[in-house]
Amino acid sequence: MKNFLLSSRHSTNKKRKIVTTPKKYHDQRGSSLQIISQRAFEAAVYKLSTAAKSPFGLTAPPPNNDQSESSLQIIDRSVFEAAGRKLPKTPKASVSSSWVRSICLGEERILKDLSSPHVISYYGSNITPAETRPLGSDYNLILEYCSGGSIADFIKFRGTGMVESDVQLFALHILKGINYVHSKKIVHCDIKPANILLKPVKSSSILGCLMPNGFEPKLADFGLALRKTSDEYGDGCGFARGTLLYMAPELLCSGNLDYCADIWSYGCTILEMFTGKKPWSELGLTDRNKLKDVIGSSSVLPELPMWFSDSARDFLGKCLEKDPQKRYDSMYLLEHKFFASIVGHSY
């Protein structure tokens, strides 16, 4: 029997639905990574395109409905209880029904046309009647169940970066998802660790913990995605979509949006998987405007540590090329020597 995730959007407010994990899991102790990796928990995923976020969830949408960032939240009661913490209070979001509807319907139109093992599956949608919800009606997207959290969660609970062999496995599957999405003439616009979900697959465990090759990455959260053939995309000019730390330079400089913008974001994601740190963190900048200038108007590139292998350094160099015309596309990257050591890989 298939498992499903229910992603709920409210026309007036957004509330978390927390499904209690069985008590036997509440008593587990050990590393946070083991907790999130070993069990199949009932998680609720809450998706809302917004640039205004609180540490534990979502706040109101940005002024003028500026869709500059898309975010996805996963909450599991036992993770908080095992850490000796209480669940945070549910933040409320007041959003216009027309704004939420446009985000939901846009994402739904994209997901309906996608069918790939590397992209989260869409199974349908429904609306919870307003009379049964004191906070307003829900718009529900029914999506594939991924109990492993996101790559951002994995990095956080691991507390450090991953070894190269693990990065290679994740990077290959993510890139296949990007290549598939691009073949459908769709630009994701917000690729980052938080938008890549992990679905456990059958494999041997090491030290009682599923290793990265026991997870299947799924490209998710298409709230900002654009189809290049759509009226909204037009000539591809005037866009600044995405999350700043992962945003391609040309989006901040000229606003020209194309597939290559996803490749830059992908490169930043792979870099974070290696180092365990956000891209550009080495600069120590807290001013968003200064960071925008560095990314969009300077020749400075994200720092690649000296301990990277030659193939990893070359691979990331092809992704993190400031000139979008020189940046590799997904098809060429799939043939890169960075993936040569993966058994069974062919393209």
Protein backbone atom coordinates (compact mmCIF):
# COMPACT_ATOMS: atom_id res chain seq x y z
CA MET A 1 0.00 0.00 0.00
CA LYS A 2 1.46 3.35 -1.01
CA ASN A 3 2.20 6.01 1.58
CA PHE A 4 1.23 9.58 0.87
CA LEU A 5 2.17 13.03 2.09
CA LEU A 6 -0.52 15.65 2.48
CA SER A 7 0.64 19.17 1.79
CA SER A 8 -1.95 21.62 3.08
CA ARG A 9 -2.35 25.27 2.17
CA HIS A 10 -4.95 27.46 3.91
CA SER A 11 -6.75 30.31 2.27
CA THR A 12 -6.48 32.33 5.48
CA ASN A 13 -4.11 30.52 7.83
CA LYS A 14 -1.63 27.66 7.74
CA LYS A 15 -1.50 25.13 10.57
CA ARG A 16 0.81 22.20 11.17
CA LYS A 17 -0.65 18.74 11.45
CA ILE A 18 1.65 16.69 13.68
CA VAL A 19 1.21 12.94 13.55
CA THR A 20 2.43 11.30 16.74
CA THR A 21 5.13 8.68 16.27
CA PRO A 22 4.52 5.40 18.17
CA LYS A 23 5.80 5.50 21.75
CA LYS A 24 8.47 2.86 21.16
CA TYR A 25 10.28 5.39 18.98
CA HIS A 26 9.98 8.12 21.60
CA ASP A 27 12.23 6.12 23.91
CA GLN A 28 15.03 5.77 21.42
CA ARG A 29 18.28 7.56 22.15
CA GLY A 30 21.46 7.90 20.16
CA SER A 31 22.66 10.23 17.49
CA SER A 32 20.18 12.49 15.76
CA LEU A 33 21.22 11.00 12.44
CA GLN A 34 20.25 7.51 13.62
CA ILE A 35 16.90 8.80 14.81
CA ILE A 36 16.04 10.38 11.48
CA SER A 37 17.47 7.51 9.42
CA GLN A 38 16.34 4.32 11.14
CA ARG A 39 12.63 4.66 11.41
CA ALA A 40 9.75 5.28 9.03
CA PHE A 41 7.93 8.14 10.68
CA GLU A 42 4.73 9.92 9.80
CA ALA A 43 5.87 13.38 8.76
CA ALA A 44 3.83 16.32 7.57
CA VAL A 45 5.27 18.46 4.81
CA TYR A 46 4.23 22.05 4.63
CA LYS A 47 5.02 23.99 1.48
CA LEU A 48 4.50 27.68 0.89
CA SER A 49 6.43 30.01 -1.39
CA THR A 50 7.73 32.81 0.81
CA ALA A 51 10.76 34.90 1.55
CA ALA A 52 9.78 35.49 5.18
CA LYS A 53 10.53 32.53 7.43
CA SER A 54 10.75 31.84 11.15
CA PRO A 55 13.17 29.23 12.61
CA PHE A 56 10.45 26.61 12.97
CA GLY A 57 8.08 27.41 10.17
CA LEU A 58 6.46 29.97 7.97
CA THR A 59 5.34 33.48 8.58
CA ALA A 60 3.42 35.85 6.35
CA PRO A 61 4.24 36.04 2.63
CA PRO A 62 6.61 38.79 1.51
CA PRO A 63 5.30 42.27 0.63
CA ASN A 64 3.68 42.53 -2.78
CA ASN A 65 3.74 38.72 -3.03
CA ASP A 66 7.38 38.77 -4.17
CA GLN A 67 8.03 35.07 -4.66
CA SER A 68 11.76 35.08 -4.04
CA GLU A 69 12.05 31.84 -2.13
CA SER A 70 10.20 28.57 -1.81
CA SER A 71 10.46 26.50 1.36
CA LEU A 72 9.48 23.08 2.58
CA GLN A 73 9.15 22.05 6.23
CA ILE A 74 9.21 18.58 7.77
CA ILE A 75 8.24 18.10 11.43
CA ASP A 76 8.54 14.88 13.43
CA ARG A 77 7.40 14.90 17.06
CA SER A 78 9.85 12.24 18.25
CA VAL A 79 12.92 14.09 16.95
CA PHE A 80 12.09 17.00 19.27
CA GLU A 81 11.16 14.77 22.22
CA ALA A 82 14.31 12.64 21.88
CA ALA A 83 16.34 15.84 22.05
CA GLY A 84 14.53 16.89 25.22
CA ARG A 85 12.77 19.80 23.55
CA LYS A 86 9.15 20.76 23.24
CA LEU A 87 7.51 21.23 19.91
CA PRO A 88 7.40 24.88 18.85
CA LYS A 89 4.11 26.68 18.81
CA THR A 90 2.44 26.69 15.44
CA PRO A 91 3.06 29.99 13.65
CA LYS A 92 0.14 31.44 11.77
CA ALA A 93 0.30 32.82 8.25
CA SER A 94 -2.24 35.26 6.92
CA VAL A 95 -2.25 35.03 3.15
CA SER A 96 -4.64 36.06 0.42
CA SER A 97 -6.60 33.20 -1.11
CA SER A 98 -5.79 34.37 -4.64
CA TRP A 99 -2.05 34.35 -3.94
CA VAL A 100 -2.11 30.87 -2.42
CA ARG A 101 -4.34 29.58 -5.20
CA SER A 102 -1.94 30.78 -7.89
CA ILE A 103 1.01 29.09 -6.17
CA CYS A 104 -0.89 25.83 -5.68
CA LEU A 105 -2.31 25.64 -9.16
CA GLY A 106 1.00 26.56 -10.76
CA GLU A 107 2.84 23.83 -8.88
CA GLU A 108 0.08 21.34 -9.60
CA ARG A 109 0.22 22.04 -13.34
CA ILE A 110 3.96 21.37 -13.30
CA LEU A 111 3.78 18.19 -11.21
CA LYS A 112 1.00 16.69 -13.33
CA ASP A 113 3.36 16.46 -16.29
CA LEU A 114 6.29 14.92 -14.41
CA SER A 115 6.91 11.21 -13.93
CA SER A 116 10.42 10.22 -12.91
CA PRO A 117 12.00 8.15 -10.10
CA HIS A 118 14.18 11.20 -9.40
CA VAL A 119 11.29 13.65 -8.94
CA ILE A 120 8.64 13.58 -6.20
CA SER A 121 5.42 12.01 -7.49
CA TYR A 122 2.10 13.83 -7.57
CA TYR A 123 -1.06 11.78 -6.93
CA GLY A 124 -3.80 14.39 -6.93
CA SER A 125 -5.36 17.24 -4.98
CA ASN A 126 -8.48 18.13 -3.05
CA ILE A 127 -10.03 20.94 -1.07
CA THR A 128 -11.12 20.56 2.53
CA PRO A 129 -14.49 22.37 2.88
CA ALA A 130 -14.30 25.64 4.80
CA GLU A 131 -17.18 24.61 7.08
CA THR A 132 -15.01 21.82 8.55
CA ARG A 133 -12.03 24.14 9.13
CA PRO A 134 -12.40 27.13 11.47
CA LEU A 135 -9.32 28.73 9.89
CA GLY A 136 -10.58 28.42 6.33
CA SER A 137 -10.49 25.80 3.60
CA ASP A 138 -7.37 23.76 2.83
CA TYR A 139 -5.92 23.22 -0.60
CA ASN A 140 -4.23 19.81 -0.48
CA LEU A 141 -1.57 18.43 -2.80
CA ILE A 142 -1.15 14.68 -2.34
CA LEU A 143 2.50 13.78 -2.91
CA GLU A 144 4.85 10.84 -2.62
CA TYR A 145 5.81 9.91 0.96
CA CYS A 146 9.53 10.50 1.68
CA SER A 147 10.29 9.65 5.30
CA GLY A 148 14.00 10.49 5.25
CA GLY A 149 13.55 14.24 5.47
CA SER A 150 15.57 16.48 3.17
CA ILE A 151 19.25 16.68 2.33
CA ALA A 152 19.33 19.85 4.44
CA ASP A 153 18.08 17.78 7.40
CA PHE A 154 20.64 15.09 6.66
CA ILE A 155 23.50 17.61 6.66
CA LYS A 156 22.23 19.28 9.83
CA PHE A 157 21.87 16.07 11.83
CA ARG A 158 25.17 14.74 10.51
CA GLY A 159 26.89 17.88 11.75
CA THR A 160 29.48 17.87 8.99
CA GLY A 161 29.91 17.34 5.28
CA MET A 162 29.79 14.00 3.48
CA VAL A 163 32.60 11.90 2.06
CA GLU A 164 33.03 12.11 -1.69
CA SER A 165 31.59 8.68 -2.48
CA ASP A 166 28.35 9.61 -0.71
CA VAL A 167 28.18 13.00 -2.42
CA GLN A 168 28.65 11.31 -5.79
CA LEU A 169 25.65 9.03 -5.25
CA PHE A 170 23.36 11.85 -4.19
CA ALA A 171 24.67 14.21 -6.87
CA LEU A 172 24.10 11.71 -9.67
CA HIS A 173 20.45 11.06 -8.81
CA ILE A 174 19.72 14.74 -8.29
CA LEU A 175 21.30 15.59 -11.63
CA LYS A 176 19.21 12.94 -13.37
CA GLY A 177 16.13 14.59 -11.88
CA ILE A 178 17.25 18.01 -13.12
CA ASN A 179 18.00 16.61 -16.57
CA TYR A 180 14.52 15.09 -16.73
CA VAL A 181 12.83 18.32 -15.61
CA HIS A 182 14.78 20.31 -18.19
CA SER A 183 13.80 17.83 -20.90
CA LYS A 184 10.20 18.82 -20.11
CA LYS A 185 11.14 22.48 -20.74
CA ILE A 186 10.78 23.35 -17.05
CA VAL A 187 13.16 25.45 -14.95
CA HIS A 188 12.92 24.53 -11.25
CA CYS A 189 14.12 27.96 -10.02
CA ASP A 190 14.82 26.91 -6.41
CA ILE A 191 17.19 23.95 -6.20
CA LYS A 192 18.75 23.67 -2.74
CA PRO A 193 19.28 20.97 -0.06
CA ALA A 194 15.93 21.75 1.62
CA ASN A 195 14.08 21.00 -1.63
CA ILE A 196 15.57 17.56 -2.18
CA LEU A 197 13.75 14.85 -0.21
CA LEU A 198 15.11 11.45 0.77
CA LYS A 199 13.18 8.22 0.42
CA PRO A 200 14.71 5.16 2.13
CA VAL A 201 15.35 2.20 -0.15
CA LYS A 202 16.31 -1.36 0.67
CA SER A 203 20.03 -1.68 1.35
CA SER A 204 22.39 -3.06 3.94
CA SER A 205 22.95 -0.89 6.99
CA ILE A 206 26.30 0.11 8.43
CA LEU A 207 26.68 0.59 12.17
CA GLY A 208 22.91 0.36 12.48
CA CYS A 209 22.35 3.45 10.37
CA LEU A 210 21.28 3.71 6.76
CA MET A 211 24.08 5.30 4.79
CA PRO A 212 23.44 7.77 1.94
CA ASN A 213 23.31 4.98 -0.65
CA GLY A 214 20.28 3.72 1.30
CA PHE A 215 18.35 6.84 0.34
CA GLU A 216 16.82 7.82 -2.97
CA PRO A 217 16.91 11.61 -3.54
CA LYS A 218 13.77 13.20 -4.97
CA LEU A 219 13.67 16.68 -6.47
CA ALA A 220 10.73 18.46 -4.82
CA ASP A 221 8.98 21.79 -4.23
CA PHE A 222 8.09 23.18 -7.65
CA GLY A 223 6.34 26.24 -6.22
CA LEU A 224 8.58 28.63 -8.17
CA ALA A 225 9.09 26.46 -11.25
CA LEU A 226 8.41 27.89 -14.70
CA ARG A 227 7.69 26.22 -18.01
CA LYS A 228 9.68 27.90 -20.77
CA THR A 229 6.74 27.66 -23.18
CA SER A 230 4.36 29.48 -20.81
CA ASP A 231 3.15 33.06 -21.11
CA GLU A 232 4.50 33.75 -17.63
CA TYR A 233 8.03 32.87 -18.75
CA GLY A 234 7.80 34.99 -21.89
CA ASP A 235 11.28 35.86 -23.12
CA GLY A 236 12.89 34.75 -19.85
CA CYS A 237 13.88 38.27 -18.81
CA GLY A 238 13.19 40.13 -15.58
CA PHE A 239 13.26 37.19 -13.16
CA ALA A 240 14.93 36.98 -9.74
CA ARG A 241 13.49 33.73 -8.43
CA GLY A 242 15.12 31.41 -5.95
CA THR A 243 16.96 31.46 -2.64
CA LEU A 244 19.74 34.06 -2.52
CA LEU A 245 22.59 31.81 -1.36
CA TYR A 246 21.89 29.41 -4.24
CA MET A 247 20.82 31.97 -6.85
CA ALA A 248 22.69 32.20 -10.15
CA PRO A 249 24.64 35.45 -10.78
CA GLU A 250 22.74 36.29 -13.98
CA LEU A 251 19.43 36.37 -12.08
CA LEU A 252 20.78 39.11 -9.81
CA CYS A 253 22.58 40.94 -12.58
CA SER A 254 20.28 40.85 -15.61
CA GLY A 255 17.31 38.73 -14.55
CA ASN A 256 17.79 36.31 -17.46
CA LEU A 257 16.33 32.93 -16.50
CA ASP A 258 17.26 29.69 -18.25
CA TYR A 259 18.16 26.08 -17.45
CA CYS A 260 21.71 27.13 -16.55
CA ALA A 261 20.37 28.93 -13.46
CA ASP A 262 19.36 25.54 -12.05
CA ILE A 263 22.87 24.21 -12.71
CA TRP A 264 24.42 26.99 -10.61
CA SER A 265 22.00 26.22 -7.76
CA TYR A 266 22.83 22.53 -8.14
CA GLY A 267 26.55 23.32 -7.84
CA CYS A 268 25.94 25.28 -4.64
CA THR A 269 23.94 22.33 -3.30
CA ILE A 270 26.74 19.85 -4.05
CA LEU A 271 29.28 22.18 -2.44
CA GLU A 272 27.18 22.29 0.73
CA MET A 273 26.95 18.50 0.76
CA PHE A 274 30.75 18.34 0.69
CA THR A 275 31.47 20.98 3.32
CA GLY A 276 28.38 20.92 5.52
CA LYS A 277 28.33 24.73 5.24
CA LYS A 278 26.13 27.13 3.29
CA PRO A 279 27.65 28.51 0.09
CA TRP A 280 29.29 31.92 0.56
CA SER A 281 29.52 31.37 4.34
CA GLU A 282 33.29 31.92 4.11
CA LEU A 283 32.62 35.62 3.38
CA GLY A 284 30.83 36.17 6.67
CA LEU A 285 28.38 38.60 5.08
CA THR A 286 25.10 39.30 6.86
CA ASP A 287 23.96 42.19 4.66
CA ARG A 288 21.80 40.81 1.84
CA ASN A 289 22.56 43.71 -0.49
CA LYS A 290 26.31 43.21 -0.14
CA LEU A 291 25.84 39.49 -0.76
CA LYS A 292 23.79 40.25 -3.88
CA ASP A 293 26.61 42.45 -5.17
CA VAL A 294 29.19 39.72 -4.61
CA ILE A 295 27.12 37.03 -6.31
CA GLY A 296 25.75 39.09 -9.17
CA SER A 297 28.32 41.79 -9.89
CA SER A 298 31.77 40.50 -8.91
CA SER A 299 34.15 37.83 -10.17
CA VAL A 300 34.25 36.14 -6.75
CA LEU A 301 33.25 32.45 -6.69
CA PRO A 302 32.23 30.21 -3.79
CA GLU A 303 35.34 28.82 -2.11
CA LEU A 304 36.33 25.24 -3.01
CA PRO A 305 38.41 23.64 -0.21
CA MET A 306 41.91 22.43 -1.08
CA TRP A 307 41.08 18.87 -0.04
CA PHE A 308 38.63 18.38 -2.91
CA SER A 309 39.67 15.77 -5.45
CA ASP A 310 40.63 16.95 -8.92
CA SER A 311 37.45 15.49 -10.43
CA ALA A 312 35.22 17.10 -7.78
CA ARG A 313 36.95 20.46 -8.24
CA ASP A 314 36.58 20.28 -12.02
CA PHE A 315 32.93 19.18 -11.75
CA LEU A 316 31.99 22.06 -9.47
CA GLY A 317 33.95 24.44 -11.65
CA LYS A 318 31.70 23.49 -14.57
CA CYS A 319 28.61 24.19 -12.42
CA LEU A 320 29.81 27.35 -10.70
CA GLU A 321 30.81 29.24 -13.82
CA LYS A 322 29.71 32.87 -13.59
CA ASP A 323 29.21 33.14 -17.34
CA PRO A 324 25.96 31.22 -18.03
CA GLN A 325 27.04 30.62 -21.64
CA LYS A 326 30.09 28.67 -20.43
CA ARG A 327 28.29 26.75 -17.70
CA TYR A 328 27.78 23.04 -18.46
CA ASP A 329 24.25 21.75 -18.94
CA SER A 330 22.87 18.64 -17.24
CA MET A 331 23.55 16.29 -20.16
CA TYR A 332 27.25 17.15 -20.28
CA LEU A 333 27.57 16.96 -16.51
CA LEU A 334 26.14 13.42 -16.48
CA GLU A 335 29.12 12.37 -18.60
CA HIS A 336 31.67 13.97 -16.27
CA LYS A 337 34.47 11.86 -14.76
CA PHE A 338 33.20 12.79 -11.29
CA PHE A 339 30.71 9.93 -11.67
CA ALA A 340 33.13 7.46 -13.25
CA SER A 341 33.62 5.41 -10.06
CA ILE A 342 29.89 4.73 -9.54
CA VAL A 343 29.18 1.11 -10.36
CA GLY A 344 26.52 0.66 -13.01
CA HIS A 345 26.40 4.32 -14.02
CA SER A 346 26.03 4.90 -17.71
CA TYR A 347 24.54 7.65 -19.76
